[in-house]
Protein backbone atom coordinates (compact mmCIF):
# COMPACT_ATOMS: atom_id res chain seq x y z
CA MET A 1 -0.26 0.02 -0.02
CA SER A 2 2.83 2.52 0.36
CA ASP A 3 4.61 1.70 -2.89
CA ALA A 4 1.00 3.04 -4.64
CA LYS A 5 0.77 6.20 -1.88
CA ASN A 6 4.57 6.88 -3.02
CA VAL A 7 3.65 6.10 -6.54
CA GLN A 8 0.88 8.71 -7.12
CA ALA A 9 2.78 11.43 -4.67
CA THR A 10 5.48 10.93 -7.76
CA GLN A 11 3.12 11.05 -10.24
CA THR A 12 1.48 13.71 -8.97
CA ASN A 13 5.01 15.59 -8.30
CA TRP A 14 5.22 15.71 -12.19
CA GLN A 15 1.85 16.51 -13.08
CA ARG A 16 2.04 19.46 -10.32
CA GLU A 17 5.32 20.30 -11.56
CA THR A 18 4.10 19.77 -15.46
CA LYS A 19 1.18 22.01 -14.66
CA THR A 20 3.03 24.78 -12.87
CA THR A 21 5.96 25.15 -15.32
CA LEU A 22 3.53 25.60 -18.19
CA THR A 23 1.42 28.13 -16.44
CA LEU A 24 4.96 29.99 -16.12
CA ALA A 25 6.33 30.00 -19.56
CA TRP A 26 3.15 30.45 -21.91
CA PRO A 27 3.07 34.51 -21.43
CA LEU A 28 6.70 33.95 -22.12
CA ILE A 29 6.57 31.97 -25.28
CA ALA A 30 3.63 34.45 -26.18
CA ALA A 31 6.21 37.82 -25.90
CA GLN A 32 9.15 35.75 -27.94
CA LEU A 33 6.17 35.40 -30.84
CA ALA A 34 4.95 38.70 -29.95
CA GLN A 35 8.92 39.71 -30.34
CA ILE A 36 8.67 38.09 -34.16
CA GLY A 37 5.97 40.36 -35.00
CA LEU A 38 7.84 43.80 -33.61
CA GLY A 39 10.97 42.36 -36.18
CA THR A 40 8.21 42.06 -38.68
CA THR A 41 6.47 44.91 -38.33
CA ASP A 42 9.69 46.92 -38.97
CA VAL A 43 10.54 44.71 -42.21
CA ILE A 44 7.48 45.43 -43.94
CA MET A 45 8.11 49.22 -42.77
CA MET A 46 11.61 49.21 -44.38
CA GLY A 47 10.51 47.69 -47.46
CA TRP A 48 7.63 50.08 -48.15
CA LEU A 49 10.56 52.81 -48.09
CA GLY A 50 12.17 50.21 -51.30
CA PRO A 51 14.66 47.31 -51.01
CA GLU A 52 17.65 49.64 -50.54
CA TYR A 53 16.21 50.63 -47.66
CA LEU A 54 14.80 47.28 -46.53
CA ALA A 55 18.59 45.37 -47.07
CA ALA A 56 20.15 48.22 -44.98
CA GLY A 57 17.58 47.73 -42.33
CA THR A 58 18.02 44.19 -42.16
CA VAL A 59 22.01 43.41 -42.52
CA SER A 60 21.95 46.38 -39.85
CA SER A 61 20.15 44.71 -37.71
CA SER A 62 21.57 41.90 -37.89
CA LEU A 63 24.62 42.58 -37.48
CA MET A 64 23.46 44.45 -34.24
CA PHE A 65 21.91 41.68 -32.70
CA LEU A 66 25.42 39.44 -32.65
CA PHE A 67 26.28 42.38 -30.11
CA LEU A 68 22.99 42.59 -28.52
CA ILE A 69 22.40 38.46 -27.92
CA PHE A 70 26.25 38.67 -26.36
CA GLY A 71 25.01 41.25 -23.83
CA ILE A 72 21.44 39.42 -23.10
CA GLY A 73 23.19 35.97 -21.99
CA ILE A 74 25.60 38.78 -19.75
CA VAL A 75 22.50 40.32 -17.46
CA THR A 76 20.35 36.74 -18.71
CA ALA A 77 22.68 35.35 -15.19
CA VAL A 78 20.41 37.67 -12.45
CA SER A 79 17.32 35.10 -13.57
CA PRO A 80 18.82 32.04 -11.67
CA MET A 81 20.55 33.84 -8.96
CA MET A 82 17.06 35.50 -8.23
CA ALA A 83 15.16 32.51 -8.44
CA GLN A 84 17.74 30.25 -6.71
CA ALA A 85 17.88 33.56 -3.50
CA ILE A 86 13.82 33.42 -3.22
CA GLY A 87 13.60 29.54 -3.20
CA ARG A 88 15.82 30.17 -0.52
CA GLU A 89 13.50 33.20 1.02
CA ASP A 90 17.11 35.61 0.95
CA PHE A 91 15.37 38.95 -0.33
CA ILE A 92 17.76 40.94 0.55
CA SER A 93 20.47 39.25 -2.18
CA VAL A 94 17.52 39.91 -4.45
CA ARG A 95 17.71 43.20 -4.36
CA ARG A 96 20.90 43.03 -4.58
CA THR A 97 20.89 41.28 -7.89
CA VAL A 98 18.40 43.58 -9.71
CA ARG A 99 20.26 46.09 -8.47
CA GLN A 100 24.04 44.93 -10.16
CA GLY A 101 22.00 43.45 -12.59
CA PHE A 102 21.34 47.15 -13.91
CA TRP A 103 24.74 48.11 -13.39
CA VAL A 104 25.68 45.46 -15.47
CA SER A 105 23.36 46.31 -17.86
CA LEU A 106 24.67 49.58 -18.11
CA LEU A 107 27.98 48.72 -18.38
CA PHE A 108 28.54 46.72 -20.99
CA ALA A 109 25.60 48.72 -23.44
CA THR A 110 28.23 51.42 -22.89
CA ILE A 111 31.04 49.18 -24.02
CA LEU A 112 28.89 47.35 -27.32
CA VAL A 113 27.30 50.68 -28.25
CA PRO A 114 30.12 52.25 -29.53
CA PHE A 115 31.24 49.08 -31.89
CA ILE A 116 28.08 49.09 -33.35
CA LEU A 117 28.35 53.34 -34.29
CA GLN A 118 31.69 52.05 -36.55
CA ILE A 119 28.92 49.68 -39.14
CA GLU A 120 29.77 52.20 -42.28
CA TRP A 121 33.28 51.46 -41.57
CA ILE A 122 32.33 47.48 -40.91
CA PHE A 123 30.24 47.82 -43.73
CA GLN A 124 33.76 48.79 -45.93
CA VAL A 125 36.00 46.09 -44.43
CA LEU A 126 33.06 43.26 -45.27
CA GLY A 127 33.67 45.01 -48.72
CA GLN A 128 29.67 46.16 -48.96
CA ASP A 129 28.06 48.73 -51.14
CA PRO A 130 29.14 52.14 -49.83
CA LYS A 131 25.89 52.96 -50.53
CA LEU A 132 24.74 50.68 -48.30
CA GLY A 133 26.98 51.00 -45.21
CA ALA A 134 25.47 55.12 -45.66
CA LEU A 135 21.96 53.97 -45.17
CA ALA A 136 22.76 51.46 -42.06
CA ALA A 137 24.98 53.52 -39.93
CA THR A 138 21.50 56.39 -40.56
CA TYR A 139 19.55 53.69 -39.07
CA ILE A 140 22.04 52.15 -36.43
CA GLN A 141 23.18 55.96 -35.19
CA PHE A 142 20.10 55.90 -33.32
CA ALA A 143 19.13 52.22 -32.86
CA ALA A 144 22.06 51.06 -31.20
CA PHE A 145 21.03 52.78 -28.12
CA GLN A 146 18.24 50.33 -27.67
CA PHE A 147 20.80 48.46 -26.26
CA TYR A 148 20.71 50.47 -22.70
CA PRO A 149 16.60 49.86 -22.34
CA PHE A 150 16.80 46.69 -23.75
CA LEU A 151 19.07 45.11 -21.42
CA LEU A 152 17.89 46.65 -18.24
CA PHE A 153 14.49 45.49 -19.55
CA THR A 154 15.94 41.83 -19.41
CA VAL A 155 16.26 42.27 -15.44
CA LEU A 156 13.30 43.22 -14.94
CA ARG A 157 12.13 40.70 -16.96
CA GLY A 158 14.02 37.72 -14.51
CA PHE A 159 13.13 39.69 -11.52
CA LEU A 160 8.75 39.26 -12.41
CA SER A 161 9.85 35.54 -13.74
CA ALA A 162 11.78 34.65 -10.66
CA HIS A 163 8.54 36.14 -9.26
CA GLU A 164 6.32 33.78 -11.51
CA ASP A 165 4.86 36.72 -12.59
CA THR A 166 5.20 36.52 -16.62
CA LYS A 167 1.63 37.64 -17.92
CA ILE A 168 3.17 41.41 -17.64
CA VAL A 169 6.14 40.74 -19.17
CA LEU A 170 3.91 39.36 -22.52
CA ILE A 171 1.57 42.68 -22.06
CA ALA A 172 4.71 44.91 -21.88
CA THR A 173 5.82 43.39 -25.29
CA ILE A 174 2.30 43.88 -26.91
CA ILE A 175 2.54 47.52 -25.89
CA GLY A 176 5.87 47.51 -27.36
CA ILE A 177 4.41 46.16 -30.77
CA PHE A 178 1.59 49.06 -30.80
CA VAL A 179 3.97 51.91 -30.23
CA ASN A 180 6.92 50.59 -32.82
CA GLY A 181 4.17 50.40 -35.48
CA ILE A 182 2.86 53.94 -34.70
CA GLY A 183 6.27 55.15 -33.92
CA ASN A 184 7.72 54.34 -37.33
CA TYR A 185 4.35 55.21 -39.48
CA ALA A 186 4.73 58.87 -37.68
CA LEU A 187 8.91 59.33 -38.03
CA MET A 188 9.98 57.02 -41.22
CA PHE A 189 7.18 58.54 -43.10
CA GLY A 190 6.82 61.59 -41.79
CA ASN A 191 2.59 61.37 -40.46
CA PHE A 192 1.17 62.77 -37.82
CA GLY A 193 2.97 66.71 -38.34
CA PHE A 194 6.32 64.68 -37.46
CA PRO A 195 9.33 65.29 -40.44
CA ARG A 196 9.90 62.37 -42.70
CA LEU A 197 13.20 60.52 -41.30
CA GLU A 198 12.95 57.39 -43.13
CA LEU A 199 15.32 54.91 -41.41
CA ALA A 200 16.61 57.35 -39.07
CA GLY A 201 13.08 57.03 -38.07
CA ALA A 202 13.20 53.86 -37.94
CA GLY A 203 15.68 53.68 -35.70
CA ILE A 204 14.40 56.47 -33.28
CA SER A 205 10.92 54.50 -32.80
CA THR A 206 13.50 51.51 -31.74
CA ILE A 207 14.74 54.14 -28.97
CA ILE A 208 11.27 54.71 -28.00
CA VAL A 209 9.69 50.68 -27.92
CA HIS A 210 12.21 49.65 -25.94
CA SER A 211 12.29 52.16 -23.52
CA VAL A 212 8.50 52.40 -23.23
CA THR A 213 8.70 48.39 -22.68
CA PHE A 214 11.45 48.83 -19.63
CA LEU A 215 9.52 51.94 -18.10
CA PHE A 216 6.42 49.92 -18.05
CA GLY A 217 8.08 47.27 -16.22
CA LEU A 218 9.54 49.78 -13.67
CA GLY A 219 6.85 51.80 -13.15
CA TYR A 220 4.88 48.26 -12.68
CA VAL A 221 7.29 46.59 -9.85
CA LEU A 222 8.13 50.25 -8.30
CA VAL A 223 3.88 50.60 -7.66
CA ARG A 224 3.01 47.31 -6.87
CA GLN A 225 2.57 46.43 -3.25
CA LYS A 226 3.71 42.88 -3.89
CA TYR A 227 7.44 44.02 -4.51
CA ARG A 228 7.47 47.35 -2.67
CA HIS A 229 9.76 45.83 0.45
CA TYR A 230 12.62 45.32 -2.31
CA GLU A 231 12.57 48.99 -2.78
CA LEU A 232 14.89 47.88 -5.76
CA LEU A 233 16.16 52.01 -6.63
CA ILE A 234 16.66 53.11 -3.08
CA ARG A 235 20.42 53.62 -2.90
CA PHE A 236 20.69 52.51 -6.32
CA TRP A 237 24.27 54.42 -6.63
CA ARG A 238 25.81 51.79 -3.75
CA PRO A 239 27.98 48.98 -5.21
CA ASP A 240 28.53 45.28 -4.70
CA TRP A 241 31.16 44.45 -6.01
CA PRO A 242 30.84 40.56 -5.40
CA ARG A 243 27.59 39.96 -6.56
CA PHE A 244 28.37 42.61 -10.01
CA ILE A 245 31.67 40.16 -10.35
CA GLU A 246 29.57 37.13 -9.72
CA ILE A 247 27.02 37.87 -12.61
CA ILE A 248 29.74 38.57 -15.13
CA LYS A 249 31.24 35.67 -14.09
CA VAL A 250 27.80 33.60 -14.53
CA GLY A 251 26.71 35.73 -17.44
CA THR A 252 29.61 35.94 -19.25
CA PRO A 253 29.87 32.12 -20.90
CA ILE A 254 25.73 32.55 -21.50
CA GLY A 255 26.68 35.69 -24.00
CA LEU A 256 29.57 33.59 -25.09
CA MET A 257 27.10 29.94 -25.57
CA LEU A 258 24.55 32.56 -26.97
CA THR A 259 26.93 34.34 -29.46
CA ALA A 260 28.61 30.87 -30.68
CA GLU A 261 24.70 29.43 -31.34
CA VAL A 262 23.29 32.60 -33.29
CA GLY A 263 27.50 32.82 -35.20
CA MET A 264 26.89 29.15 -36.51
CA PHE A 265 23.41 29.79 -38.21
CA SER A 266 25.09 33.13 -39.60
CA VAL A 267 27.84 31.32 -41.16
CA ALA A 268 25.49 28.47 -42.49
CA THR A 269 24.27 31.51 -44.34
CA VAL A 270 27.07 33.15 -46.09
CA MET A 271 27.45 29.21 -46.80
CA MET A 272 24.35 29.42 -48.75
CA GLY A 273 25.07 32.51 -50.62
CA TRP A 274 28.40 30.83 -51.89
CA LEU A 275 25.91 28.45 -53.68
CA GLY A 276 23.68 30.93 -54.95
CA THR A 277 20.71 33.13 -54.55
CA GLN A 278 17.75 30.50 -55.07
CA GLU A 279 19.71 28.10 -51.81
CA LEU A 280 20.19 31.61 -50.61
CA ALA A 281 16.69 32.90 -50.64
CA ALA A 282 15.69 29.06 -49.96
CA HIS A 283 16.92 29.23 -46.87
CA ALA A 284 15.85 32.14 -45.54
CA VAL A 285 12.05 30.71 -45.50
CA ALA A 286 12.77 27.64 -44.14
CA LEU A 287 15.05 29.43 -41.11
CA GLN A 288 12.51 31.59 -40.59
CA LEU A 289 10.01 28.80 -40.25
CA ALA A 290 12.62 27.00 -37.85
CA SER A 291 13.01 30.37 -36.19
CA ILE A 292 9.32 30.86 -35.70
CA SER A 293 8.88 27.18 -33.99
CA PHE A 294 11.94 27.66 -31.38
CA MET A 295 10.36 30.08 -29.54
CA VAL A 296 8.39 28.10 -27.89
CA PRO A 297 11.38 26.53 -26.74
CA LEU A 298 12.72 29.55 -25.93
CA GLY A 299 10.14 31.12 -23.87
CA LEU A 300 9.96 27.76 -22.10
CA SER A 301 13.85 27.67 -21.61
CA GLN A 302 13.26 31.11 -19.53
CA ALA A 303 10.91 29.79 -17.38
CA THR A 304 13.09 26.28 -16.91
CA THR A 305 15.54 27.97 -15.32
CA ILE A 306 13.58 29.65 -12.72
CA ARG A 307 11.62 26.75 -11.99
CA VAL A 308 14.94 24.91 -11.63
CA GLY A 309 16.54 27.96 -9.47
CA LEU A 310 13.74 28.40 -6.95
CA GLN A 311 14.32 24.12 -6.43
CA TYR A 312 17.78 24.07 -6.11
CA GLY A 313 17.23 27.91 -3.60
CA ARG A 314 14.66 25.71 -1.59
CA GLY A 315 17.62 22.72 -1.63
CA SER A 316 15.34 20.58 -2.60
CA TYR A 317 17.80 18.31 -5.12
CA ASP A 318 14.74 15.90 -6.02
CA GLY A 319 12.66 18.80 -7.11
CA VAL A 320 15.52 19.78 -9.18
CA GLY A 321 15.21 17.00 -11.19
CA ILE A 322 11.15 17.04 -11.77
CA SER A 323 11.73 20.80 -12.90
CA GLY A 324 14.68 19.95 -15.63
CA TRP A 325 13.01 16.65 -16.68
CA THR A 326 9.68 17.85 -16.81
CA SER A 327 10.84 20.58 -18.99
CA ILE A 328 13.42 18.93 -21.07
CA ALA A 329 10.11 16.30 -21.90
CA LEU A 330 8.09 19.34 -22.36
CA GLY A 331 10.10 20.86 -24.77
CA THR A 332 11.41 17.68 -26.77
CA GLY A 333 8.00 16.98 -27.58
CA PHE A 334 6.58 20.00 -28.89
CA MET A 335 9.66 19.93 -30.83
CA ALA A 336 8.75 16.11 -31.99
CA ILE A 337 5.48 17.55 -33.29
CA THR A 338 6.97 19.99 -35.56
CA CYS A 339 9.59 17.87 -36.52
CA MET A 340 6.67 15.57 -37.70
CA LEU A 341 4.72 18.80 -39.30
CA PHE A 342 8.17 20.25 -41.13
CA VAL A 343 8.82 15.78 -42.30
CA LEU A 344 5.47 15.02 -43.48
CA PHE A 345 4.20 18.11 -44.50
CA PRO A 346 7.26 21.10 -45.78
CA ASP A 347 4.59 22.14 -49.19
CA ALA A 348 2.23 23.85 -46.86
CA PHE A 349 4.88 25.71 -44.70
CA VAL A 350 6.68 26.92 -47.44
CA SER A 351 3.94 27.86 -49.29
CA LEU A 352 3.40 30.72 -47.15
CA PHE A 353 6.07 32.33 -47.79
CA LEU A 354 6.45 31.39 -51.51
CA ASP A 355 4.26 30.32 -54.51
CA ALA A 356 4.72 27.37 -55.99
CA ALA A 357 2.54 28.50 -58.95
CA LYS A 358 4.80 31.09 -59.95
CA PRO A 359 7.40 29.57 -62.62
CA GLU A 360 10.48 31.96 -60.91
CA ASN A 361 9.63 30.45 -57.65
CA VAL A 362 9.51 26.91 -58.73
CA ALA A 363 13.18 25.78 -58.14
CA VAL A 364 13.35 28.01 -54.82
CA PHE A 365 10.20 26.17 -53.26
CA GLY A 366 11.72 22.91 -53.68
CA LEU A 367 14.90 23.69 -52.02
CA ALA A 368 13.28 25.37 -49.25
CA ALA A 369 11.01 22.49 -48.51
CA SER A 370 13.86 19.94 -48.71
CA TYR A 371 16.08 21.90 -46.12
CA LEU A 372 12.27 22.35 -43.87
CA ALA A 373 12.63 18.06 -43.77
CA VAL A 374 16.08 18.92 -43.18
CA ALA A 375 15.24 21.05 -40.40
CA GLY A 376 12.07 19.04 -39.04
CA LEU A 377 15.01 16.39 -37.81
CA PHE A 378 17.25 18.43 -36.04
CA GLN A 379 14.14 20.38 -33.94
CA LEU A 380 14.20 17.18 -31.87
CA VAL A 381 17.64 17.97 -30.74
CA ASP A 382 17.57 21.36 -30.64
CA GLY A 383 14.46 21.41 -28.40
CA ALA A 384 16.48 18.86 -26.05
CA GLN A 385 19.83 21.21 -26.03
CA ALA A 386 18.05 24.21 -25.25
CA MET A 387 16.33 22.91 -22.18
CA ALA A 388 19.08 20.73 -21.13
CA ALA A 389 21.27 24.19 -21.02
CA ALA A 390 18.44 26.21 -19.38
CA SER A 391 18.16 23.27 -16.47
CA LEU A 392 21.71 23.52 -16.38
CA ARG A 393 21.72 27.56 -15.78
CA GLY A 394 19.53 27.51 -13.02
CA LEU A 395 22.10 25.83 -10.81
CA SER A 396 24.48 28.88 -12.09
CA ASP A 397 25.98 26.02 -14.40
CA THR A 398 27.68 28.08 -17.44
CA LYS A 399 30.71 27.23 -18.45
CA VAL A 400 31.40 24.13 -19.53
CA PRO A 401 27.73 24.33 -21.71
CA MET A 402 29.95 27.65 -22.89
CA TYR A 403 32.29 25.24 -24.08
CA ALA A 404 30.11 22.42 -24.67
CA ALA A 405 28.34 25.05 -27.37
CA ILE A 406 31.82 26.05 -28.96
CA PHE A 407 33.06 22.29 -29.40
CA GLY A 408 29.39 21.34 -31.02
CA TYR A 409 28.71 24.04 -33.51
CA TRP A 410 32.32 25.06 -34.65
CA ILE A 411 34.31 22.46 -33.94
CA MET A 412 31.95 19.69 -35.16
CA GLY A 413 29.44 20.98 -36.55
CA MET A 414 30.80 24.08 -39.27
CA PRO A 415 32.88 21.33 -40.55
CA ILE A 416 30.35 18.80 -40.99
CA ALA A 417 28.13 21.19 -42.87
CA TYR A 418 31.19 22.26 -45.37
CA LEU A 419 32.67 18.69 -45.75
CA LEU A 420 28.77 18.18 -46.60
CA GLY A 421 27.62 20.47 -48.35
CA PHE A 422 30.66 20.87 -50.67
CA VAL A 423 33.67 18.18 -50.37
CA LEU A 424 30.84 16.01 -50.62
CA ASP A 425 28.63 18.39 -53.03
CA MET A 426 24.97 17.40 -50.64
CA ARG A 427 25.12 21.46 -51.31
CA GLY A 428 22.36 23.20 -49.41
CA VAL A 429 20.88 19.38 -47.75
CA GLY A 430 24.41 19.09 -46.27
CA ILE A 431 24.85 22.65 -44.69
CA TRP A 432 21.52 21.88 -43.15
CA LEU A 433 22.75 18.27 -41.55
CA GLY A 434 25.80 19.76 -40.66
CA LEU A 435 23.61 22.57 -38.37
CA ALA A 436 21.99 19.52 -37.07
CA GLY A 437 25.11 17.59 -36.63
CA GLY A 438 26.25 20.07 -33.87
CA LEU A 439 23.13 20.79 -31.90
CA THR A 440 22.96 16.58 -31.39
CA ILE A 441 26.82 16.78 -30.17
CA VAL A 442 25.38 19.74 -27.67
CA ALA A 443 22.05 18.49 -26.69
CA VAL A 444 24.06 14.99 -25.67
CA ILE A 445 26.81 16.76 -23.56
CA LEU A 446 24.08 18.83 -21.58
CA ASN A 447 21.59 16.39 -21.10
CA ILE A 448 24.51 13.53 -19.62
CA ARG A 449 26.27 16.70 -17.36
CA PHE A 450 22.52 17.21 -16.24
CA TYR A 451 21.85 13.35 -15.04
CA TRP A 452 25.18 13.87 -13.72
CA ARG A 453 24.31 16.62 -11.72
CA GLU A 454 24.95 15.27 -8.60
CA ARG A 455 27.80 12.96 -9.07
CA LEU A 456 29.60 16.63 -11.24
CA GLY A 457 28.78 18.38 -7.73
CA LEU A 458 26.90 20.71 -9.52
CA LEU A 459 24.50 21.00 -6.19
CA LYS A 460 26.51 23.06 -3.69
CA PRO A 461 24.86 24.06 -0.61
CA GLN A 462 23.15 27.48 -0.89
CA LYS A 463 24.31 30.55 1.54
CA VAL A 464 21.65 33.52 2.75
CA SER A 465 22.87 37.08 2.09
CA HIS A 466 22.79 39.52 6.11
């Protein structure tokens, strides 16, 4: 009888964790999907200006994102740190982490923005059209300053998520979409009495959007009774150097890991360009579809870090396992569904972007469908590696996952892509198989590491701040 009760209790724990994780995750998932909508608005409106404006805007945004993702990774370290502190009811530590997270955000924005402002020179070094570089500079000279509010809001998002208050993150993102549309319409095209600023207007609108999002989130946190006892901005200027350094120590590997993955896909895009315009266009379609589906495990991974961190802070090592494996199962399970859909019905998804009835689209359509079928296969491992990385992040284990990413993506994945794509003449399909290979290697390493978390000494006693 006792065995039956134990089994029932275990099942209840897993079911409760699944429900709690999904409740925490769905607004974050929706916010990630909404973020795509924000970017889509920019692309559409830049296209209204003309193809040269669209090219300059999208290329400069992609280049800027490589820098931004590194900064996001660094300040993401506050999420597991705050979750662990809340788990052990160390609220002083939460306040200190938020403040020093703001400090780190301001520091890295100040470091990164000057690099971004050299966009015109960077374009010259890359051999791009000088006219394209000049247009890109008009956008970047304003858009680069989004780093400040964007990174500051990332800290607030971690704070709210650690308190399982994620719906406000979604609301803030939706507000940002509306502000962005109105701002672009007014400033890019000279409506509502504003001057026509074209790409410069898009850059200004970008700053406004992220500033509004950050101020909305900050106002919510400062006004809500639940958070007033933290007094987050009291003595904001007071340094806490050990915590400041800890955020950088935990966050830098996260930033490098994310940059390594984004960089792998960027290099794959360059390789596709070597094959030809049709292959590059087909790759863009398949990658966009894969990116949209990845927003679900990406949002889920943010919730995973919080759930594992909370259990770790409470000293519930069984809870760490339940939280981590629940998320890994959810993320991989969702990707199994998208894998099946991409493999079985690639034409249906590609037709959302290309009209197969047009003769000029036939070759690109066929290539995109073949790439998407391969993309479906790596959906499984992509979800598995994202969830395992998030689970380890909840334990503040970030350095080894970074090494695993560099090894899997660059030492293995990229050479495999080149070997299959060019040496063995599998072309675009070979490049996509190389991407899948890199993701598989990382997924296996990270899942084994999470499984061996106790044996590897990743579960250490937590200390309370005084």
